[in-house]
Protein backbone atom coordinates (compact mmCIF):
# COMPACT_ATOMS: atom_id res chain seq x y z
CA UNK A 1 0.00 0.00 0.00
CA UNK A 2 1.63 3.24 -1.11
CA UNK A 3 -0.45 5.47 1.14
CA UNK A 4 -2.04 4.26 4.36
CA UNK A 5 -5.68 5.03 5.04
CA UNK A 6 -6.05 3.63 8.52
CA UNK A 7 -9.16 5.65 9.40
CA UNK A 8 -10.99 4.32 6.36
CA UNK A 9 -9.87 0.75 7.10
CA UNK A 10 -10.95 1.13 10.74
CA UNK A 11 -14.35 2.50 9.69
CA UNK A 12 -14.82 -0.35 7.20
CA UNK A 13 -13.99 -2.97 9.83
CA UNK A 14 -16.35 -1.38 12.34
CA UNK A 15 -19.13 -1.41 9.73
CA UNK A 16 -18.56 -5.13 9.22
CA UNK A 17 -18.84 -5.69 12.97
CA UNK A 18 -21.59 -3.24 13.98
CA UNK A 19 -23.41 -2.50 10.72
CA UNK A 20 -25.28 0.81 10.53
CA UNK A 21 -24.47 1.60 14.18
CA UNK A 22 -20.74 1.82 13.40
CA UNK A 23 -20.78 5.61 13.12
CA UNK A 24 -21.99 5.89 16.72
CA UNK A 25 -19.47 3.34 18.02
CA UNK A 26 -16.26 5.19 17.07
CA UNK A 27 -15.50 8.51 18.77
CA UNK A 28 -12.46 10.76 18.65
CA UNK A 29 -10.87 13.07 21.20
CA UNK A 30 -8.25 15.41 19.74
CA UNK A 31 -6.35 18.11 21.57
CA UNK A 32 -3.58 20.42 20.36
CA UNK A 33 -0.67 21.53 22.51
CA UNK A 34 2.15 23.91 21.93
CA UNK A 35 2.21 27.26 20.14
CA UNK A 36 -0.07 27.62 17.11
CA UNK A 37 2.88 27.70 14.70
CA UNK A 38 4.24 24.43 16.14
CA UNK A 39 1.23 22.46 17.40
CA UNK A 40 1.29 18.78 18.19
CA UNK A 41 -2.08 17.06 18.10
CA UNK A 42 -2.87 14.13 20.38
CA UNK A 43 -5.85 12.09 19.20
CA UNK A 44 -7.57 9.17 20.90
CA UNK A 45 -9.75 6.64 19.06
CA UNK A 46 -12.45 5.17 21.29
CA UNK A 47 -14.72 2.28 20.43
CA UNK A 48 -17.81 2.15 22.62
CA UNK A 49 -16.07 4.55 25.01
CA UNK A 50 -12.93 2.40 25.41
CA UNK A 51 -9.58 3.72 24.19
CA UNK A 52 -8.21 1.55 21.41
CA UNK A 53 -5.59 3.88 19.97
CA UNK A 54 -3.69 7.09 20.70
CA UNK A 55 -1.52 9.01 18.28
CA UNK A 56 0.35 12.28 17.95
CA UNK A 57 1.05 14.29 14.85
CA UNK A 58 1.84 17.73 13.50
CA UNK A 59 -1.78 18.00 12.32
CA UNK A 60 -5.11 16.75 13.61
CA UNK A 61 -5.36 14.42 10.61
CA UNK A 62 -1.91 12.95 11.27
CA UNK A 63 -2.80 12.34 14.93
CA UNK A 64 -6.06 10.63 13.95
CA UNK A 65 -4.33 8.50 11.33
CA UNK A 66 -1.77 7.19 13.82
CA UNK A 67 -4.47 6.61 16.46
CA UNK A 68 -6.50 4.67 13.87
CA UNK A 69 -3.48 2.53 12.98
CA UNK A 70 -3.00 1.57 16.63
CA UNK A 71 -6.75 1.09 17.13
CA UNK A 72 -6.85 -1.33 14.19
CA UNK A 73 -4.14 -3.50 15.73
CA UNK A 74 -5.89 -3.49 19.11
CA UNK A 75 -9.32 -4.13 17.59
CA UNK A 76 -8.05 -7.06 15.53
CA UNK A 77 -6.38 -8.47 18.64
CA UNK A 78 -9.61 -8.12 20.63
CA UNK A 79 -11.55 -9.87 17.85
CA UNK A 80 -9.03 -12.72 17.71
CA UNK A 81 -9.29 -13.20 21.46
CA UNK A 82 -13.08 -12.85 21.53
CA UNK A 83 -12.85 -9.84 23.84
CA UNK A 84 -14.79 -7.23 21.91
CA UNK A 85 -17.51 -5.39 23.83
PDB file of N, CA and C in Angstrom:
ATOM      1  N   UNK A   1       0.855  -1.172   0.000  1.00  0.00           N
ATOM      2  CA  UNK A   1       0.000   0.000   0.000  1.00  0.00           C
ATOM      3  C   UNK A   1       0.900   1.233   0.000  1.00  0.00           C
ATOM      4  N   UNK A   2       0.761   2.075  -1.001  1.00  0.00           N
ATOM      5  CA  UNK A   2       1.634   3.236  -1.113  1.00  0.00           C
ATOM      6  C   UNK A   2       1.262   4.328  -0.124  1.00  0.00           C
ATOM      7  N   UNK A   3      -0.019   4.471   0.171  1.00  0.00           N
ATOM      8  CA  UNK A   3      -0.449   5.471   1.136  1.00  0.00           C
ATOM      9  C   UNK A   3      -1.440   4.804   2.080  1.00  0.00           C
ATOM     10  N   UNK A   4      -1.182   4.909   3.370  1.00  0.00           N
ATOM     11  CA  UNK A   4      -2.037   4.258   4.360  1.00  0.00           C
ATOM     12  C   UNK A   4      -3.297   5.090   4.590  1.00  0.00           C
ATOM     13  N   UNK A   5      -4.401   4.405   4.722  1.00  0.00           N
ATOM     14  CA  UNK A   5      -5.683   5.032   5.038  1.00  0.00           C
ATOM     15  C   UNK A   5      -6.274   4.268   6.220  1.00  0.00           C
ATOM     16  N   UNK A   6      -5.645   4.424   7.360  1.00  0.00           N
ATOM     17  CA  UNK A   6      -6.047   3.634   8.519  1.00  0.00           C
ATOM     18  C   UNK A   6      -7.439   3.994   9.021  1.00  0.00           C
ATOM     19  N   UNK A   7      -7.813   5.266   8.952  1.00  0.00           N
ATOM     20  CA  UNK A   7      -9.155   5.650   9.404  1.00  0.00           C
ATOM     21  C   UNK A   7     -10.221   4.978   8.548  1.00  0.00           C
ATOM     22  N   UNK A   8     -10.025   4.958   7.248  1.00  0.00           N
ATOM     23  CA  UNK A   8     -10.988   4.320   6.360  1.00  0.00           C
ATOM     24  C   UNK A   8     -11.052   2.813   6.634  1.00  0.00           C
ATOM     25  N   UNK A   9      -9.905   2.188   6.814  1.00  0.00           N
ATOM     26  CA  UNK A   9      -9.866   0.755   7.102  1.00  0.00           C
ATOM     27  C   UNK A   9     -10.552   0.456   8.431  1.00  0.00           C
ATOM     28  N   UNK A  10     -10.306   1.299   9.434  1.00  0.00           N
ATOM     29  CA  UNK A  10     -10.950   1.131  10.738  1.00  0.00           C
ATOM     30  C   UNK A  10     -12.464   1.276  10.605  1.00  0.00           C
ATOM     31  N   UNK A  11     -12.916   2.309   9.891  1.00  0.00           N
ATOM     32  CA  UNK A  11     -14.355   2.499   9.689  1.00  0.00           C
ATOM     33  C   UNK A  11     -14.979   1.317   8.964  1.00  0.00           C
ATOM     34  N   UNK A  12     -14.297   0.801   7.948  1.00  0.00           N
ATOM     35  CA  UNK A  12     -14.825  -0.350   7.203  1.00  0.00           C
ATOM     36  C   UNK A  12     -14.944  -1.587   8.090  1.00  0.00           C
ATOM     37  N   UNK A  13     -13.941  -1.827   8.924  1.00  0.00           N
ATOM     38  CA  UNK A  13     -13.986  -2.973   9.829  1.00  0.00           C
ATOM     39  C   UNK A  13     -15.116  -2.817  10.845  1.00  0.00           C
ATOM     40  N   UNK A  14     -15.275  -1.611  11.376  1.00  0.00           N
ATOM     41  CA  UNK A  14     -16.354  -1.376  12.341  1.00  0.00           C
ATOM     42  C   UNK A  14     -17.720  -1.552  11.687  1.00  0.00           C
ATOM     43  N   UNK A  15     -17.857  -1.189  10.424  1.00  0.00           N
ATOM     44  CA  UNK A  15     -19.129  -1.406   9.732  1.00  0.00           C
ATOM     45  C   UNK A  15     -19.413  -2.894   9.555  1.00  0.00           C
ATOM     46  N   UNK A  16     -18.375  -3.684   9.325  1.00  0.00           N
ATOM     47  CA  UNK A  16     -18.563  -5.133   9.217  1.00  0.00           C
ATOM     48  C   UNK A  16     -19.026  -5.716  10.548  1.00  0.00           C
ATOM     49  N   UNK A  17     -18.512  -5.162  11.646  1.00  0.00           N
ATOM     50  CA  UNK A  17     -18.836  -5.689  12.973  1.00  0.00           C
ATOM     51  C   UNK A  17     -20.191  -5.187  13.463  1.00  0.00           C
ATOM     52  N   UNK A  18     -20.422  -3.870  13.360  1.00  0.00           N
ATOM     53  CA  UNK A  18     -21.590  -3.240  13.979  1.00  0.00           C
ATOM     54  C   UNK A  18     -22.678  -2.815  13.003  1.00  0.00           C
ATOM     55  N   UNK A  19     -22.415  -2.909  11.717  1.00  0.00           N
ATOM     56  CA  UNK A  19     -23.408  -2.504  10.725  1.00  0.00           C
ATOM     57  C   UNK A  19     -23.675  -1.008  10.773  1.00  0.00           C
ATOM     58  N   UNK A  20     -24.942  -0.612  10.604  1.00  0.00           N
ATOM     59  CA  UNK A  20     -25.278   0.808  10.532  1.00  0.00           C
ATOM     60  C   UNK A  20     -24.944   1.597  11.804  1.00  0.00           C
ATOM     61  N   UNK A  21     -24.785   0.925  12.914  1.00  0.00           N
ATOM     62  CA  UNK A  21     -24.470   1.604  14.179  1.00  0.00           C
ATOM     63  C   UNK A  21     -22.997   1.986  14.287  1.00  0.00           C
ATOM     64  N   UNK A  22     -22.187   1.607  13.322  1.00  0.00           N
ATOM     65  CA  UNK A  22     -20.737   1.820  13.397  1.00  0.00           C
ATOM     66  C   UNK A  22     -20.367   3.282  13.592  1.00  0.00           C
ATOM     67  N   UNK A  23     -21.134   4.195  12.999  1.00  0.00           N
ATOM     68  CA  UNK A  23     -20.784   5.613  13.125  1.00  0.00           C
ATOM     69  C   UNK A  23     -20.937   6.111  14.556  1.00  0.00           C
ATOM     70  N   UNK A  24     -21.812   5.493  15.328  1.00  0.00           N
ATOM     71  CA  UNK A  24     -21.992   5.894  16.724  1.00  0.00           C
ATOM     72  C   UNK A  24     -21.000   5.203  17.654  1.00  0.00           C
ATOM     73  N   UNK A  25     -20.372   4.145  17.193  1.00  0.00           N
ATOM     74  CA  UNK A  25     -19.473   3.341  18.022  1.00  0.00           C
ATOM     75  C   UNK A  25     -18.094   3.979  18.159  1.00  0.00           C
ATOM     76  N   UNK A  26     -17.600   4.594  17.085  1.00  0.00           N
ATOM     77  CA  UNK A  26     -16.261   5.190  17.074  1.00  0.00           C
ATOM     78  C   UNK A  26     -16.341   6.673  17.399  1.00  0.00           C
ATOM     79  N   UNK A  27     -15.593   7.091  18.423  1.00  0.00           N
ATOM     80  CA  UNK A  27     -15.503   8.510  18.769  1.00  0.00           C
ATOM     81  C   UNK A  27     -14.038   8.918  18.836  1.00  0.00           C
ATOM     82  N   UNK A  28     -13.816  10.206  18.649  1.00  0.00           N
ATOM     83  CA  UNK A  28     -12.463  10.762  18.646  1.00  0.00           C
ATOM     84  C   UNK A  28     -12.359  11.871  19.676  1.00  0.00           C
ATOM     85  N   UNK A  29     -11.221  11.934  20.346  1.00  0.00           N
ATOM     86  CA  UNK A  29     -10.868  13.066  21.201  1.00  0.00           C
ATOM     87  C   UNK A  29      -9.526  13.577  20.697  1.00  0.00           C
ATOM     88  N   UNK A  30      -9.485  14.834  20.275  1.00  0.00           N
ATOM     89  CA  UNK A  30      -8.249  15.412  19.738  1.00  0.00           C
ATOM     90  C   UNK A  30      -7.969  16.741  20.419  1.00  0.00           C
ATOM     91  N   UNK A  31      -6.751  16.887  20.887  1.00  0.00           N
ATOM     92  CA  UNK A  31      -6.349  18.113  21.568  1.00  0.00           C
ATOM     93  C   UNK A  31      -4.987  18.572  21.066  1.00  0.00           C
ATOM     94  N   UNK A  32      -4.876  19.885  20.755  1.00  0.00           N
ATOM     95  CA  UNK A  32      -3.576  20.421  20.364  1.00  0.00           C
ATOM     96  C   UNK A  32      -2.809  20.900  21.587  1.00  0.00           C
ATOM     97  N   UNK A  33      -1.487  20.894  21.468  1.00  0.00           N
ATOM     98  CA  UNK A  33      -0.674  21.532  22.505  1.00  0.00           C
ATOM     99  C   UNK A  33       0.520  22.179  21.834  1.00  0.00           C
ATOM    100  N   UNK A  34       1.037  23.163  22.500  1.00  0.00           N
ATOM    101  CA  UNK A  34       2.151  23.912  21.933  1.00  0.00           C
ATOM    102  C   UNK A  34       1.653  25.170  21.245  1.00  0.00           C
ATOM    103  N   UNK A  35       2.584  26.013  20.816  1.00  0.00           N
ATOM    104  CA  UNK A  35       2.206  27.255  20.135  1.00  0.00           C
ATOM    105  C   UNK A  35       1.558  26.962  18.780  1.00  0.00           C
ATOM    106  N   UNK A  36       0.704  27.861  18.329  1.00  0.00           N
ATOM    107  CA  UNK A  36      -0.074  27.621  17.106  1.00  0.00           C
ATOM    108  C   UNK A  36       0.800  27.376  15.878  1.00  0.00           C
ATOM    109  N   UNK A  37       1.999  27.915  15.854  1.00  0.00           N
ATOM    110  CA  UNK A  37       2.878  27.696  14.703  1.00  0.00           C
ATOM    111  C   UNK A  37       3.646  26.373  14.794  1.00  0.00           C
ATOM    112  N   UNK A  38       3.498  25.684  15.935  1.00  0.00           N
ATOM    113  CA  UNK A  38       4.239  24.434  16.141  1.00  0.00           C
ATOM    114  C   UNK A  38       3.408  23.446  16.965  1.00  0.00           C
ATOM    115  N   UNK A  39       2.124  23.324  16.632  1.00  0.00           N
ATOM    116  CA  UNK A  39       1.227  22.463  17.400  1.00  0.00           C
ATOM    117  C   UNK A  39       1.538  20.985  17.200  1.00  0.00           C
ATOM    118  N   UNK A  40       1.285  20.244  18.254  1.00  0.00           N
ATOM    119  CA  UNK A  40       1.294  18.782  18.190  1.00  0.00           C
ATOM    120  C   UNK A  40      -0.095  18.340  18.637  1.00  0.00           C
ATOM    121  N   UNK A  41      -0.740  17.548  17.807  1.00  0.00           N
ATOM    122  CA  UNK A  41      -2.082  17.058  18.102  1.00  0.00           C
ATOM    123  C   UNK A  41      -2.007  15.651  18.685  1.00  0.00           C
ATOM    124  N   UNK A  42      -2.706  15.455  19.796  1.00  0.00           N
ATOM    125  CA  UNK A  42      -2.870  14.130  20.378  1.00  0.00           C
ATOM    126  C   UNK A  42      -4.316  13.720  20.151  1.00  0.00           C
ATOM    127  N   UNK A  43      -4.509  12.582  19.504  1.00  0.00           N
ATOM    128  CA  UNK A  43      -5.851  12.086  19.205  1.00  0.00           C
ATOM    129  C   UNK A  43      -6.030  10.693  19.788  1.00  0.00           C
ATOM    130  N   UNK A  44      -7.221  10.454  20.307  1.00  0.00           N
ATOM    131  CA  UNK A  44      -7.566   9.166  20.900  1.00  0.00           C
ATOM    132  C   UNK A  44      -8.768   8.600  20.148  1.00  0.00           C
ATOM    133  N   UNK A  45      -8.646   7.358  19.708  1.00  0.00           N
ATOM    134  CA  UNK A  45      -9.751   6.643  19.062  1.00  0.00           C
ATOM    135  C   UNK A  45     -10.403   5.759  20.119  1.00  0.00           C
ATOM    136  N   UNK A  46     -11.708   5.972  20.315  1.00  0.00           N
ATOM    137  CA  UNK A  46     -12.451   5.170  21.286  1.00  0.00           C
ATOM    138  C   UNK A  46     -13.543   4.391  20.573  1.00  0.00           C
ATOM    139  N   UNK A  47     -13.662   3.143  20.950  1.00  0.00           N
ATOM    140  CA  UNK A  47     -14.717   2.283  20.432  1.00  0.00           C
ATOM    141  C   UNK A  47     -15.599   1.915  21.610  1.00  0.00           C
ATOM    142  N   UNK A  48     -16.855   2.339  21.522  1.00  0.00           N
ATOM    143  CA  UNK A  48     -17.812   2.155  22.620  1.00  0.00           C
ATOM    144  C   UNK A  48     -17.249   2.715  23.927  1.00  0.00           C
ATOM    145  N   UNK A  49     -16.577   3.854  23.835  1.00  0.00           N
ATOM    146  CA  UNK A  49     -16.066   4.545  25.010  1.00  0.00           C
ATOM    147  C   UNK A  49     -14.752   4.026  25.551  1.00  0.00           C
ATOM    148  N   UNK A  50     -14.191   2.988  24.945  1.00  0.00           N
ATOM    149  CA  UNK A  50     -12.932   2.404  25.414  1.00  0.00           C
ATOM    150  C   UNK A  50     -11.812   2.816  24.467  1.00  0.00           C
ATOM    151  N   UNK A  51     -10.707   3.298  25.024  1.00  0.00           N
ATOM    152  CA  UNK A  51      -9.578   3.716  24.193  1.00  0.00           C
ATOM    153  C   UNK A  51      -8.943   2.509  23.512  1.00  0.00           C
ATOM    154  N   UNK A  52      -8.860   2.592  22.192  1.00  0.00           N
ATOM    155  CA  UNK A  52      -8.207   1.546  21.405  1.00  0.00           C
ATOM    156  C   UNK A  52      -6.930   2.036  20.748  1.00  0.00           C
ATOM    157  N   UNK A  53      -6.786   3.355  20.607  1.00  0.00           N
ATOM    158  CA  UNK A  53      -5.586   3.881  19.972  1.00  0.00           C
ATOM    159  C   UNK A  53      -5.355   5.335  20.325  1.00  0.00           C
ATOM    160  N   UNK A  54      -4.082   5.708  20.398  1.00  0.00           N
ATOM    161  CA  UNK A  54      -3.690   7.085  20.699  1.00  0.00           C
ATOM    162  C   UNK A  54      -2.528   7.428  19.786  1.00  0.00           C
ATOM    163  N   UNK A  55      -2.589   8.611  19.183  1.00  0.00           N
ATOM    164  CA  UNK A  55      -1.523   9.013  18.279  1.00  0.00           C
ATOM    165  C   UNK A  55      -1.256  10.502  18.343  1.00  0.00           C
ATOM    166  N   UNK A  56      -0.048  10.873  17.996  1.00  0.00           N
ATOM    167  CA  UNK A  56       0.346  12.281  17.950  1.00  0.00           C
ATOM    168  C   UNK A  56       0.844  12.614  16.555  1.00  0.00           C
ATOM    169  N   UNK A  57       0.578  13.846  16.148  1.00  0.00           N
ATOM    170  CA  UNK A  57       1.052  14.290  14.847  1.00  0.00           C
ATOM    171  C   UNK A  57       1.088  15.796  14.758  1.00  0.00           C
ATOM    172  N   UNK A  58       1.706  16.293  13.713  1.00  0.00           N
ATOM    173  CA  UNK A  58       1.835  17.734  13.504  1.00  0.00           C
ATOM    174  C   UNK A  58       0.522  18.357  13.041  1.00  0.00           C
ATOM    175  N   UNK A  59      -0.440  17.519  12.676  1.00  0.00           N
ATOM    176  CA  UNK A  59      -1.775  18.000  12.317  1.00  0.00           C
ATOM    177  C   UNK A  59      -2.801  17.080  12.981  1.00  0.00           C
ATOM    178  N   UNK A  60      -4.029  17.560  13.044  1.00  0.00           N
ATOM    179  CA  UNK A  60      -5.107  16.747  13.605  1.00  0.00           C
ATOM    180  C   UNK A  60      -5.278  15.463  12.795  1.00  0.00           C
ATOM    181  N   UNK A  61      -5.225  15.593  11.474  1.00  0.00           N
ATOM    182  CA  UNK A  61      -5.364  14.416  10.608  1.00  0.00           C
ATOM    183  C   UNK A  61      -4.262  13.394  10.856  1.00  0.00           C
ATOM    184  N   UNK A  62      -3.029  13.871  11.027  1.00  0.00           N
ATOM    185  CA  UNK A  62      -1.907  12.953  11.273  1.00  0.00           C
ATOM    186  C   UNK A  62      -2.080  12.236  12.610  1.00  0.00           C
ATOM    187  N   UNK A  63      -2.549  12.952  13.626  1.00  0.00           N
ATOM    188  CA  UNK A  63      -2.802  12.341  14.927  1.00  0.00           C
ATOM    189  C   UNK A  63      -3.892  11.288  14.847  1.00  0.00           C
ATOM    190  N   UNK A  64      -4.960  11.596  14.114  1.00  0.00           N
ATOM    191  CA  UNK A  64      -6.057  10.633  13.947  1.00  0.00           C
ATOM    192  C   UNK A  64      -5.601   9.399  13.178  1.00  0.00           C
ATOM    193  N   UNK A  65      -4.798   9.619  12.157  1.00  0.00           N
ATOM    194  CA  UNK A  65      -4.335   8.499  11.327  1.00  0.00           C
ATOM    195  C   UNK A  65      -3.490   7.524  12.151  1.00  0.00           C
ATOM    196  N   UNK A  66      -2.598   8.059  12.982  1.00  0.00           N
ATOM    197  CA  UNK A  66      -1.773   7.192  13.824  1.00  0.00           C
ATOM    198  C   UNK A  66      -2.621   6.495  14.882  1.00  0.00           C
ATOM    199  N   UNK A  67      -3.569   7.220  15.473  1.00  0.00           N
ATOM    200  CA  UNK A  67      -4.465   6.606  16.459  1.00  0.00           C
ATOM    201  C   UNK A  67      -5.285   5.489  15.814  1.00  0.00           C
ATOM    202  N   UNK A  68      -5.731   5.698  14.582  1.00  0.00           N
ATOM    203  CA  UNK A  68      -6.503   4.675  13.868  1.00  0.00           C
ATOM    204  C   UNK A  68      -5.652   3.444  13.583  1.00  0.00           C
ATOM    205  N   UNK A  69      -4.388   3.659  13.236  1.00  0.00           N
ATOM    206  CA  UNK A  69      -3.476   2.533  12.976  1.00  0.00           C
ATOM    207  C   UNK A  69      -3.341   1.663  14.224  1.00  0.00           C
ATOM    208  N   UNK A  70      -3.147   2.300  15.364  1.00  0.00           N
ATOM    209  CA  UNK A  70      -2.999   1.569  16.627  1.00  0.00           C
ATOM    210  C   UNK A  70      -4.325   0.918  17.016  1.00  0.00           C
ATOM    211  N   UNK A  71      -5.431   1.636  16.809  1.00  0.00           N
ATOM    212  CA  UNK A  71      -6.750   1.089  17.130  1.00  0.00           C
ATOM    213  C   UNK A  71      -7.045  -0.154  16.300  1.00  0.00           C
ATOM    214  N   UNK A  72      -6.642  -0.151  15.043  1.00  0.00           N
ATOM    215  CA  UNK A  72      -6.846  -1.326  14.188  1.00  0.00           C
ATOM    216  C   UNK A  72      -6.140  -2.555  14.745  1.00  0.00           C
ATOM    217  N   UNK A  73      -4.902  -2.384  15.158  1.00  0.00           N
ATOM    218  CA  UNK A  73      -4.141  -3.499  15.731  1.00  0.00           C
ATOM    219  C   UNK A  73      -4.844  -4.015  16.986  1.00  0.00           C
ATOM    220  N   UNK A  74      -5.246  -3.093  17.859  1.00  0.00           N
ATOM    221  CA  UNK A  74      -5.890  -3.493  19.113  1.00  0.00           C
ATOM    222  C   UNK A  74      -7.267  -4.106  18.874  1.00  0.00           C
ATOM    223  N   UNK A  75      -8.010  -3.579  17.908  1.00  0.00           N
ATOM    224  CA  UNK A  75      -9.324  -4.131  17.587  1.00  0.00           C
ATOM    225  C   UNK A  75      -9.193  -5.541  17.012  1.00  0.00           C
ATOM    226  N   UNK A  76      -8.255  -5.733  16.106  1.00  0.00           N
ATOM    227  CA  UNK A  76      -8.047  -7.064  15.526  1.00  0.00           C
ATOM    228  C   UNK A  76      -7.604  -8.062  16.591  1.00  0.00           C
ATOM    229  N   UNK A  77      -6.794  -7.613  17.536  1.00  0.00           N
ATOM    230  CA  UNK A  77      -6.379  -8.474  18.642  1.00  0.00           C
ATOM    231  C   UNK A  77      -7.581  -8.843  19.514  1.00  0.00           C
ATOM    232  N   UNK A  78      -8.422  -7.852  19.822  1.00  0.00           N
ATOM    233  CA  UNK A  78      -9.614  -8.117  20.633  1.00  0.00           C
ATOM    234  C   UNK A  78     -10.548  -9.091  19.922  1.00  0.00           C
ATOM    235  N   UNK A  79     -10.699  -8.943  18.619  1.00  0.00           N
ATOM    236  CA  UNK A  79     -11.545  -9.868  17.853  1.00  0.00           C
ATOM    237  C   UNK A  79     -10.982 -11.283  17.883  1.00  0.00           C
ATOM    238  N   UNK A  80      -9.675 -11.401  17.714  1.00  0.00           N
ATOM    239  CA  UNK A  80      -9.031 -12.721  17.711  1.00  0.00           C
ATOM    240  C   UNK A  80      -9.174 -13.412  19.060  1.00  0.00           C
ATOM    241  N   UNK A  81      -9.182 -12.632  20.115  1.00  0.00           N
ATOM    242  CA  UNK A  81      -9.293 -13.201  21.462  1.00  0.00           C
ATOM    243  C   UNK A  81     -10.739 -13.307  21.946  1.00  0.00           C
ATOM    244  N   UNK A  82     -11.676 -12.822  21.137  1.00  0.00           N
ATOM    245  CA  UNK A  82     -13.083 -12.855  21.535  1.00  0.00           C
ATOM    246  C   UNK A  82     -13.396 -11.911  22.670  1.00  0.00           C
ATOM    247  N   UNK A  83     -12.690 -10.789  22.726  1.00  0.00           N
ATOM    248  CA  UNK A  83     -12.854  -9.842  23.842  1.00  0.00           C
ATOM    249  C   UNK A  83     -13.409  -8.499  23.401  1.00  0.00           C
ATOM    250  N   UNK A  84     -14.207  -8.483  22.376  1.00  0.00           N
ATOM    251  CA  UNK A  84     -14.787  -7.229  21.908  1.00  0.00           C
ATOM    252  C   UNK A  84     -16.081  -6.979  22.655  1.00  0.00           C
ATOM    253  N   UNK A  85     -16.283  -5.742  23.096  1.00  0.00           N
ATOM    254  CA  UNK A  85     -17.515  -5.390  23.832  1.00  0.00           C
ATOM    255  C   UNK A  85     -18.696  -5.372  22.907  1.00  0.00           C
TER     256      UNK A  85
END
